[in-house]
Amino acid sequence: MTLARINPLQAWPDAGPALEKALPHTCHSHLDLRRACLRGEAYLLATDRMFLVVRPEKTVDGFELLVWAAAAKDGATDSVVDVLPDLEAMARGMGANGVVFVTDKKGMERIVGPAWHRRCFVMERRF
């Protein structure tokens, strides 16, 4: 599976709806992601089975590559874990200090392996 940067103007009719489904518990919409990609603040990436939007996030000692959203294409069951080696290579090539992603999937620590650690825990009460 090869991860490639793609043109958001051409790909958004397919990528937008898939990414919208991946954002139900955030304050962002797929239009926010599209706008950031068009401005060059984020990058739309794809494999033959999924879409991702990543963006550099400043840190006190440089920046890290944030996976803002990831969504499987029609019927695929791929996740961000399937492209972590490519994301890590991309981040290193950009000079990033690491890769970060947010997930609500239980057991993710087991899936990603011992090189990864949970940085924070989000608590929320919705009404």
Foldseek 3Di string as FASTA:
>chain_A
DDKDFDDCVVCVVQQQVQQQVQCPPHPDHSVVLSVCCVVVQWTWMDDPWKIWIWGWDQDPVGTEIEGPTMGTGPPDDDDVLVCVVVRQVVRVVVVHPYYDYDDPDPPVDVSNDDVDDDDDDDDDDDD
